[in-house]
PDB file of N, CA and C in Angstrom:
ATOM      1  N   MET A   1     -10.669  32.139  10.112  1.00  0.00           N
ATOM      2  CA  MET A   1      -9.717  32.721   9.213  1.00  0.00           C
ATOM      3  C   MET A   1      -8.295  32.542   9.785  1.00  0.00           C
ATOM      4  N   LEU A   2      -7.381  32.099   9.083  1.00  0.00           N
ATOM      5  CA  LEU A   2      -6.034  31.911   9.448  1.00  0.00           C
ATOM      6  C   LEU A   2      -5.250  33.184   9.169  1.00  0.00           C
ATOM      7  N   VAL A   3      -4.620  33.754  10.132  1.00  0.00           N
ATOM      8  CA  VAL A   3      -3.817  34.939   9.970  1.00  0.00           C
ATOM      9  C   VAL A   3      -2.371  34.569  10.162  1.00  0.00           C
ATOM     10  N   TRP A   4      -1.591  34.754   9.128  1.00  0.00           N
ATOM     11  CA  TRP A   4      -0.161  34.510   9.189  1.00  0.00           C
ATOM     12  C   TRP A   4       0.523  35.767   9.713  1.00  0.00           C
ATOM     13  N   ASN A   5       1.567  35.548  10.433  1.00  0.00           N
ATOM     14  CA  ASN A   5       2.292  36.669  10.950  1.00  0.00           C
ATOM     15  C   ASN A   5       3.768  36.492  10.495  1.00  0.00           C
ATOM     16  N   LYS A   6       4.471  37.581  10.559  1.00  0.00           N
ATOM     17  CA  LYS A   6       5.870  37.583  10.129  1.00  0.00           C
ATOM     18  C   LYS A   6       6.805  38.156  11.197  1.00  0.00           C
ATOM     19  N   ILE A   7       7.921  37.485  11.423  1.00  0.00           N
ATOM     20  CA  ILE A   7       8.947  37.984  12.365  1.00  0.00           C
ATOM     21  C   ILE A   7      10.105  38.333  11.472  1.00  0.00           C
ATOM     22  N   LEU A   8      10.563  39.649  11.519  1.00  0.00           N
ATOM     23  CA  LEU A   8      11.672  40.061  10.765  1.00  0.00           C
ATOM     24  C   LEU A   8      12.861  40.189  11.724  1.00  0.00           C
ATOM     25  N   THR A   9      14.077  39.881  11.279  1.00  0.00           N
ATOM     26  CA  THR A   9      15.178  40.021  12.222  1.00  0.00           C
ATOM     27  C   THR A   9      15.644  41.463  12.419  1.00  0.00           C
ATOM     28  N   ASN A  10      14.908  42.415  11.853  1.00  0.00           N
ATOM     29  CA  ASN A  10      15.189  43.748  12.247  1.00  0.00           C
ATOM     30  C   ASN A  10      14.278  44.235  13.330  1.00  0.00           C
ATOM     31  N   GLU A  11      13.780  43.271  14.085  1.00  0.00           N
ATOM     32  CA  GLU A  11      13.028  43.529  15.293  1.00  0.00           C
ATOM     33  C   GLU A  11      11.620  44.088  15.025  1.00  0.00           C
ATOM     34  N   GLU A  12      10.981  43.738  13.981  1.00  0.00           N
ATOM     35  CA  GLU A  12       9.637  44.142  13.683  1.00  0.00           C
ATOM     36  C   GLU A  12       8.762  42.918  13.692  1.00  0.00           C
ATOM     37  N   HIS A  13       7.456  43.066  13.841  1.00  0.00           N
ATOM     38  CA  HIS A  13       6.540  42.056  13.759  1.00  0.00           C
ATOM     39  C   HIS A  13       5.253  42.558  13.032  1.00  0.00           C
ATOM     40  N   THR A  14       4.951  41.992  11.857  1.00  0.00           N
ATOM     41  CA  THR A  14       3.906  42.478  11.003  1.00  0.00           C
ATOM     42  C   THR A  14       2.944  41.334  10.661  1.00  0.00           C
ATOM     43  N   ARG A  15       1.739  41.683  10.217  1.00  0.00           N
ATOM     44  CA  ARG A  15       0.773  40.710   9.708  1.00  0.00           C
ATOM     45  C   ARG A  15       1.057  40.579   8.209  1.00  0.00           C
ATOM     46  N   ARG A  16       0.522  39.504   7.612  1.00  0.00           N
ATOM     47  CA  ARG A  16       0.701  39.226   6.192  1.00  0.00           C
ATOM     48  C   ARG A  16       0.197  40.441   5.369  1.00  0.00           C
ATOM     49  N   ASP A  17      -0.817  41.147   5.828  1.00  0.00           N
ATOM     50  CA  ASP A  17      -1.330  42.277   5.027  1.00  0.00           C
ATOM     51  C   ASP A  17      -0.437  43.474   5.235  1.00  0.00           C
ATOM     52  N   GLY A  18       0.652  43.340   5.968  1.00  0.00           N
ATOM     53  CA  GLY A  18       1.589  44.518   6.155  1.00  0.00           C
ATOM     54  C   GLY A  18       1.334  45.391   7.367  1.00  0.00           C
ATOM     55  N   GLU A  19       0.248  45.079   8.088  1.00  0.00           N
ATOM     56  CA  GLU A  19      -0.047  45.837   9.280  1.00  0.00           C
ATOM     57  C   GLU A  19       0.990  45.646  10.333  1.00  0.00           C
ATOM     58  N   TRP A  20       1.621  46.698  10.850  1.00  0.00           N
ATOM     59  CA  TRP A  20       2.609  46.577  11.876  1.00  0.00           C
ATOM     60  C   TRP A  20       1.920  46.267  13.205  1.00  0.00           C
ATOM     61  N   LEU A  21       2.398  45.233  13.911  1.00  0.00           N
ATOM     62  CA  LEU A  21       1.834  44.777  15.143  1.00  0.00           C
ATOM     63  C   LEU A  21       2.630  45.181  16.345  1.00  0.00           C
ATOM     64  N   MET A  22       3.904  45.021  16.293  1.00  0.00           N
ATOM     65  CA  MET A  22       4.781  45.330  17.453  1.00  0.00           C
ATOM     66  C   MET A  22       6.213  45.364  17.017  1.00  0.00           C
ATOM     67  N   GLY A  23       7.032  45.885  17.875  1.00  0.00           N
ATOM     68  CA  GLY A  23       8.448  45.861  17.690  1.00  0.00           C
ATOM     69  C   GLY A  23       9.178  45.824  18.982  1.00  0.00           C
ATOM     70  N   PHE A  24      10.469  45.620  18.963  1.00  0.00           N
ATOM     71  CA  PHE A  24      11.215  45.589  20.230  1.00  0.00           C
ATOM     72  C   PHE A  24      12.673  45.891  19.949  1.00  0.00           C
ATOM     73  N   ASN A  25      13.346  46.262  21.042  1.00  0.00           N
ATOM     74  CA  ASN A  25      14.771  46.504  20.979  1.00  0.00           C
ATOM     75  C   ASN A  25      15.467  45.525  21.901  1.00  0.00           C
ATOM     76  N   MET A  26      16.705  45.242  21.566  1.00  0.00           N
ATOM     77  CA  MET A  26      17.500  44.346  22.407  1.00  0.00           C
ATOM     78  C   MET A  26      18.843  44.982  22.637  1.00  0.00           C
ATOM     79  N   VAL A  27      19.347  44.823  23.787  1.00  0.00           N
ATOM     80  CA  VAL A  27      20.783  45.186  24.077  1.00  0.00           C
ATOM     81  C   VAL A  27      21.586  43.942  23.936  1.00  0.00           C
ATOM     82  N   THR A  28      22.565  44.014  23.073  1.00  0.00           N
ATOM     83  CA  THR A  28      23.416  42.845  22.847  1.00  0.00           C
ATOM     84  C   THR A  28      24.907  43.201  23.096  1.00  0.00           C
ATOM     85  N   GLU A  29      25.656  42.181  23.341  1.00  0.00           N
ATOM     86  CA  GLU A  29      27.095  42.397  23.475  1.00  0.00           C
ATOM     87  C   GLU A  29      27.736  42.211  22.076  1.00  0.00           C
ATOM     88  N   MET A  30      28.927  42.523  21.983  1.00  0.00           N
ATOM     89  CA  MET A  30      29.628  42.298  20.681  1.00  0.00           C
ATOM     90  C   MET A  30      29.760  40.741  20.575  1.00  0.00           C
ATOM     91  N   ASP A  31      29.100  40.227  19.602  1.00  0.00           N
ATOM     92  CA  ASP A  31      29.032  38.800  19.341  1.00  0.00           C
ATOM     93  C   ASP A  31      28.860  38.596  17.891  1.00  0.00           C
ATOM     94  N   GLU A  32      28.985  37.351  17.428  1.00  0.00           N
ATOM     95  CA  GLU A  32      28.842  37.101  16.057  1.00  0.00           C
ATOM     96  C   GLU A  32      27.388  37.247  15.602  1.00  0.00           C
ATOM     97  N   ILE A  33      27.210  37.674  14.353  1.00  0.00           N
ATOM     98  CA  ILE A  33      25.855  38.022  13.834  1.00  0.00           C
ATOM     99  C   ILE A  33      24.946  36.776  13.857  1.00  0.00           C
ATOM    100  N   PHE A  34      25.500  35.609  13.644  1.00  0.00           N
ATOM    101  CA  PHE A  34      24.687  34.340  13.687  1.00  0.00           C
ATOM    102  C   PHE A  34      23.928  34.222  14.996  1.00  0.00           C
ATOM    103  N   LYS A  35      24.596  34.384  16.108  1.00  0.00           N
ATOM    104  CA  LYS A  35      23.948  34.294  17.363  1.00  0.00           C
ATOM    105  C   LYS A  35      22.989  35.426  17.641  1.00  0.00           C
ATOM    106  N   ILE A  36      23.351  36.629  17.278  1.00  0.00           N
ATOM    107  CA  ILE A  36      22.442  37.755  17.408  1.00  0.00           C
ATOM    108  C   ILE A  36      21.144  37.595  16.648  1.00  0.00           C
ATOM    109  N   GLU A  37      21.261  37.169  15.420  1.00  0.00           N
ATOM    110  CA  GLU A  37      20.033  36.997  14.607  1.00  0.00           C
ATOM    111  C   GLU A  37      19.196  35.843  15.177  1.00  0.00           C
ATOM    112  N   ALA A  38      19.856  34.793  15.625  1.00  0.00           N
ATOM    113  CA  ALA A  38      19.118  33.715  16.228  1.00  0.00           C
ATOM    114  C   ALA A  38      18.379  34.187  17.542  1.00  0.00           C
ATOM    115  N   GLN A  39      19.004  35.015  18.306  1.00  0.00           N
ATOM    116  CA  GLN A  39      18.409  35.543  19.529  1.00  0.00           C
ATOM    117  C   GLN A  39      17.262  36.473  19.165  1.00  0.00           C
ATOM    118  N   THR A  40      17.326  37.230  18.066  1.00  0.00           N
ATOM    119  CA  THR A  40      16.195  38.089  17.635  1.00  0.00           C
ATOM    120  C   THR A  40      15.028  37.238  17.229  1.00  0.00           C
ATOM    121  N   ILE A  41      15.295  36.128  16.531  1.00  0.00           N
ATOM    122  CA  ILE A  41      14.183  35.235  16.142  1.00  0.00           C
ATOM    123  C   ILE A  41      13.519  34.658  17.404  1.00  0.00           C
ATOM    124  N   VAL A  42      14.294  34.249  18.346  1.00  0.00           N
ATOM    125  CA  VAL A  42      13.718  33.618  19.593  1.00  0.00           C
ATOM    126  C   VAL A  42      12.859  34.685  20.275  1.00  0.00           C
ATOM    127  N   GLU A  43      13.320  35.859  20.431  1.00  0.00           N
ATOM    128  CA  GLU A  43      12.553  36.903  21.139  1.00  0.00           C
ATOM    129  C   GLU A  43      11.294  37.283  20.364  1.00  0.00           C
ATOM    130  N   GLY A  44      11.386  37.322  19.022  1.00  0.00           N
ATOM    131  CA  GLY A  44      10.190  37.574  18.171  1.00  0.00           C
ATOM    132  C   GLY A  44       9.182  36.543  18.301  1.00  0.00           C
ATOM    133  N   MET A  45       9.655  35.239  18.338  1.00  0.00           N
ATOM    134  CA  MET A  45       8.713  34.133  18.457  1.00  0.00           C
ATOM    135  C   MET A  45       8.016  34.157  19.836  1.00  0.00           C
ATOM    136  N   LYS A  46       8.768  34.493  20.847  1.00  0.00           N
ATOM    137  CA  LYS A  46       8.161  34.591  22.239  1.00  0.00           C
ATOM    138  C   LYS A  46       7.108  35.661  22.249  1.00  0.00           C
ATOM    139  N   LEU A  47       7.408  36.841  21.626  1.00  0.00           N
ATOM    140  CA  LEU A  47       6.463  37.917  21.615  1.00  0.00           C
ATOM    141  C   LEU A  47       5.167  37.508  20.861  1.00  0.00           C
ATOM    142  N   ALA A  48       5.367  36.860  19.651  1.00  0.00           N
ATOM    143  CA  ALA A  48       4.221  36.508  18.846  1.00  0.00           C
ATOM    144  C   ALA A  48       3.330  35.485  19.625  1.00  0.00           C
ATOM    145  N   TRP A  49       3.954  34.497  20.283  1.00  0.00           N
ATOM    146  CA  TRP A  49       3.185  33.555  21.036  1.00  0.00           C
ATOM    147  C   TRP A  49       2.480  34.112  22.229  1.00  0.00           C
ATOM    148  N   LEU A  50       3.155  35.083  22.905  1.00  0.00           N
ATOM    149  CA  LEU A  50       2.466  35.772  24.002  1.00  0.00           C
ATOM    150  C   LEU A  50       1.269  36.533  23.530  1.00  0.00           C
ATOM    151  N   LYS A  51       1.283  37.034  22.291  1.00  0.00           N
ATOM    152  CA  LYS A  51       0.165  37.767  21.720  1.00  0.00           C
ATOM    153  C   LYS A  51      -0.917  36.799  21.169  1.00  0.00           C
ATOM    154  N   GLY A  52      -0.640  35.499  21.225  1.00  0.00           N
ATOM    155  CA  GLY A  52      -1.593  34.521  20.809  1.00  0.00           C
ATOM    156  C   GLY A  52      -1.437  33.952  19.388  1.00  0.00           C
ATOM    157  N   TYR A  53      -0.374  34.437  18.687  1.00  0.00           N
ATOM    158  CA  TYR A  53      -0.101  33.884  17.347  1.00  0.00           C
ATOM    159  C   TYR A  53       0.678  32.585  17.384  1.00  0.00           C
ATOM    160  N   LYS A  54       0.170  31.558  16.769  1.00  0.00           N
ATOM    161  CA  LYS A  54       0.864  30.291  16.810  1.00  0.00           C
ATOM    162  C   LYS A  54       1.568  29.921  15.493  1.00  0.00           C
ATOM    163  N   GLN A  55       1.157  30.552  14.432  1.00  0.00           N
ATOM    164  CA  GLN A  55       1.835  30.346  13.157  1.00  0.00           C
ATOM    165  C   GLN A  55       2.470  31.654  12.737  1.00  0.00           C
ATOM    166  N   VAL A  56       3.766  31.648  12.572  1.00  0.00           N
ATOM    167  CA  VAL A  56       4.503  32.831  12.145  1.00  0.00           C
ATOM    168  C   VAL A  56       5.423  32.470  10.937  1.00  0.00           C
ATOM    169  N   GLU A  57       5.747  33.450  10.161  1.00  0.00           N
ATOM    170  CA  GLU A  57       6.672  33.312   9.118  1.00  0.00           C
ATOM    171  C   GLU A  57       7.953  34.107   9.541  1.00  0.00           C
ATOM    172  N   ILE A  58       9.084  33.488   9.458  1.00  0.00           N
ATOM    173  CA  ILE A  58      10.322  34.145   9.843  1.00  0.00           C
ATOM    174  C   ILE A  58      11.065  34.557   8.586  1.00  0.00           C
ATOM    175  N   ASN A  59      11.388  35.857   8.533  1.00  0.00           N
ATOM    176  CA  ASN A  59      12.199  36.355   7.415  1.00  0.00           C
ATOM    177  C   ASN A  59      13.615  36.654   8.046  1.00  0.00           C
ATOM    178  N   CYS A  60      14.589  36.115   7.418  1.00  0.00           N
ATOM    179  CA  CYS A  60      15.946  36.306   7.846  1.00  0.00           C
ATOM    180  C   CYS A  60      16.923  36.224   6.684  1.00  0.00           C
ATOM    181  N   ASP A  61      17.771  37.176   6.516  1.00  0.00           N
ATOM    182  CA  ASP A  61      18.659  37.159   5.375  1.00  0.00           C
ATOM    183  C   ASP A  61      19.989  36.312   5.694  1.00  0.00           C
ATOM    184  N   ASN A  62      20.054  35.691   6.829  1.00  0.00           N
ATOM    185  CA  ASN A  62      21.224  34.832   7.152  1.00  0.00           C
ATOM    186  C   ASN A  62      20.891  33.397   6.697  1.00  0.00           C
ATOM    187  N   ALA A  63      21.385  33.146   5.479  1.00  0.00           N
ATOM    188  CA  ALA A  63      21.037  31.806   4.864  1.00  0.00           C
ATOM    189  C   ALA A  63      21.575  30.624   5.679  1.00  0.00           C
ATOM    190  N   MET A  64      22.721  30.789   6.264  1.00  0.00           N
ATOM    191  CA  MET A  64      23.324  29.731   7.049  1.00  0.00           C
ATOM    192  C   MET A  64      22.435  29.412   8.280  1.00  0.00           C
ATOM    193  N   LEU A  65      21.912  30.434   8.906  1.00  0.00           N
ATOM    194  CA  LEU A  65      21.087  30.305  10.099  1.00  0.00           C
ATOM    195  C   LEU A  65      19.729  29.505   9.678  1.00  0.00           C
ATOM    196  N   ILE A  66      19.089  30.016   8.623  1.00  0.00           N
ATOM    197  CA  ILE A  66      17.916  29.333   8.217  1.00  0.00           C
ATOM    198  C   ILE A  66      18.147  27.934   7.747  1.00  0.00           C
ATOM    199  N   ASP A  67      19.273  27.678   7.074  1.00  0.00           N
ATOM    200  CA  ASP A  67      19.593  26.312   6.627  1.00  0.00           C
ATOM    201  C   ASP A  67      19.762  25.384   7.843  1.00  0.00           C
ATOM    202  N   THR A  68      20.436  25.929   8.899  1.00  0.00           N
ATOM    203  CA  THR A  68      20.664  25.195  10.106  1.00  0.00           C
ATOM    204  C   THR A  68      19.363  24.770  10.776  1.00  0.00           C
ATOM    205  N   ILE A  69      18.387  25.717  10.816  1.00  0.00           N
ATOM    206  CA  ILE A  69      17.107  25.428  11.401  1.00  0.00           C
ATOM    207  C   ILE A  69      16.283  24.454  10.541  1.00  0.00           C
ATOM    208  N   ARG A  70      16.240  24.739   9.281  1.00  0.00           N
ATOM    209  CA  ARG A  70      15.388  23.947   8.350  1.00  0.00           C
ATOM    210  C   ARG A  70      15.840  22.506   8.200  1.00  0.00           C
ATOM    211  N   ASN A  71      17.158  22.321   8.154  1.00  0.00           N
ATOM    212  CA  ASN A  71      17.720  20.988   7.875  1.00  0.00           C
ATOM    213  C   ASN A  71      18.011  20.151   9.164  1.00  0.00           C
ATOM    214  N   ARG A  72      17.396  20.622  10.258  1.00  0.00           N
ATOM    215  CA  ARG A  72      17.524  19.803  11.532  1.00  0.00           C
ATOM    216  C   ARG A  72      18.942  19.752  12.083  1.00  0.00           C
ATOM    217  N   PHE A  73      19.796  20.680  11.719  1.00  0.00           N
ATOM    218  CA  PHE A  73      21.098  20.707  12.277  1.00  0.00           C
ATOM    219  C   PHE A  73      21.120  21.422  13.618  1.00  0.00           C
ATOM    220  N   ALA A  74      19.991  22.006  14.016  1.00  0.00           N
ATOM    221  CA  ALA A  74      19.890  22.788  15.220  1.00  0.00           C
ATOM    222  C   ALA A  74      20.148  21.924  16.432  1.00  0.00           C
ATOM    223  N   SER A  75      19.758  20.620  16.369  1.00  0.00           N
ATOM    224  CA  SER A  75      19.985  19.792  17.521  1.00  0.00           C
ATOM    225  C   SER A  75      21.413  19.565  17.847  1.00  0.00           C
ATOM    226  N   ILE A  76      22.323  19.745  16.853  1.00  0.00           N
ATOM    227  CA  ILE A  76      23.731  19.587  17.135  1.00  0.00           C
ATOM    228  C   ILE A  76      24.486  20.866  17.239  1.00  0.00           C
ATOM    229  N   SER A  77      23.736  21.987  17.138  1.00  0.00           N
ATOM    230  CA  SER A  77      24.336  23.317  17.267  1.00  0.00           C
ATOM    231  C   SER A  77      24.796  23.560  18.671  1.00  0.00           C
ATOM    232  N   ASN A  78      25.859  24.317  18.779  1.00  0.00           N
ATOM    233  CA  ASN A  78      26.344  24.694  20.166  1.00  0.00           C
ATOM    234  C   ASN A  78      25.814  26.051  20.551  1.00  0.00           C
ATOM    235  N   ILE A  79      24.915  26.625  19.729  1.00  0.00           N
ATOM    236  CA  ILE A  79      24.356  27.934  20.058  1.00  0.00           C
ATOM    237  C   ILE A  79      22.948  27.699  20.672  1.00  0.00           C
ATOM    238  N   VAL A  80      22.734  28.067  21.868  1.00  0.00           N
ATOM    239  CA  VAL A  80      21.505  27.828  22.571  1.00  0.00           C
ATOM    240  C   VAL A  80      20.312  28.353  21.828  1.00  0.00           C
ATOM    241  N   GLU A  81      20.390  29.591  21.266  1.00  0.00           N
ATOM    242  CA  GLU A  81      19.275  30.197  20.600  1.00  0.00           C
ATOM    243  C   GLU A  81      18.785  29.333  19.387  1.00  0.00           C
ATOM    244  N   VAL A  82      19.750  28.756  18.668  1.00  0.00           N
ATOM    245  CA  VAL A  82      19.401  27.929  17.539  1.00  0.00           C
ATOM    246  C   VAL A  82      18.633  26.673  18.019  1.00  0.00           C
ATOM    247  N   TRP A  83      19.070  26.090  19.099  1.00  0.00           N
ATOM    248  CA  TRP A  83      18.366  25.001  19.656  1.00  0.00           C
ATOM    249  C   TRP A  83      16.953  25.342  20.125  1.00  0.00           C
ATOM    250  N   LEU A  84      16.775  26.545  20.713  1.00  0.00           N
ATOM    251  CA  LEU A  84      15.521  27.035  21.160  1.00  0.00           C
ATOM    252  C   LEU A  84      14.571  27.289  19.945  1.00  0.00           C
ATOM    253  N   ILE A  85      15.024  27.819  18.851  1.00  0.00           N
ATOM    254  CA  ILE A  85      14.242  28.063  17.713  1.00  0.00           C
ATOM    255  C   ILE A  85      13.724  26.665  17.213  1.00  0.00           C
ATOM    256  N   HIS A  86      14.610  25.733  17.135  1.00  0.00           N
ATOM    257  CA  HIS A  86      14.276  24.415  16.669  1.00  0.00           C
ATOM    258  C   HIS A  86      13.144  23.792  17.567  1.00  0.00           C
ATOM    259  N   GLU A  87      13.344  23.925  18.846  1.00  0.00           N
ATOM    260  CA  GLU A  87      12.307  23.418  19.825  1.00  0.00           C
ATOM    261  C   GLU A  87      10.997  24.150  19.682  1.00  0.00           C
ATOM    262  N   MET A  88      11.036  25.495  19.507  1.00  0.00           N
ATOM    263  CA  MET A  88       9.843  26.242  19.409  1.00  0.00           C
ATOM    264  C   MET A  88       9.040  25.900  18.140  1.00  0.00           C
ATOM    265  N   CYS A  89       9.766  25.687  17.063  1.00  0.00           N
ATOM    266  CA  CYS A  89       9.129  25.338  15.751  1.00  0.00           C
ATOM    267  C   CYS A  89       8.455  23.977  15.810  1.00  0.00           C
ATOM    268  N   ASN A  90       8.948  23.123  16.652  1.00  0.00           N
ATOM    269  CA  ASN A  90       8.397  21.775  16.728  1.00  0.00           C
ATOM    270  C   ASN A  90       7.353  21.643  17.847  1.00  0.00           C
ATOM    271  N   LYS A  91       7.035  22.748  18.521  1.00  0.00           N
ATOM    272  CA  LYS A  91       6.099  22.804  19.630  1.00  0.00           C
ATOM    273  C   LYS A  91       4.686  22.850  19.056  1.00  0.00           C
ATOM    274  N   ASP A  92       3.782  22.176  19.732  1.00  0.00           N
ATOM    275  CA  ASP A  92       2.344  22.253  19.346  1.00  0.00           C
ATOM    276  C   ASP A  92       1.719  23.495  19.832  1.00  0.00           C
TER     277      ASP A  92
END
């Protein structure tokens, strides 16, 4: 059975059936929201993979961030977290 998981950029991690699995808090500096949301996705993906989940669904309301990741612009991004997300999504 394939279980999909979801990473929300409000620092929650739930299963498709809505069961809450884990959450986390981050201390951030004053920075632009694009970088902070990208950092949240990276940390959520790390947590999910540490728990053994290899397929996750990322929910993020930052359309520009998602577009950057989906359209392969991450490789030219100057934000490390965006590059990391791109690399993690293409990892086996």
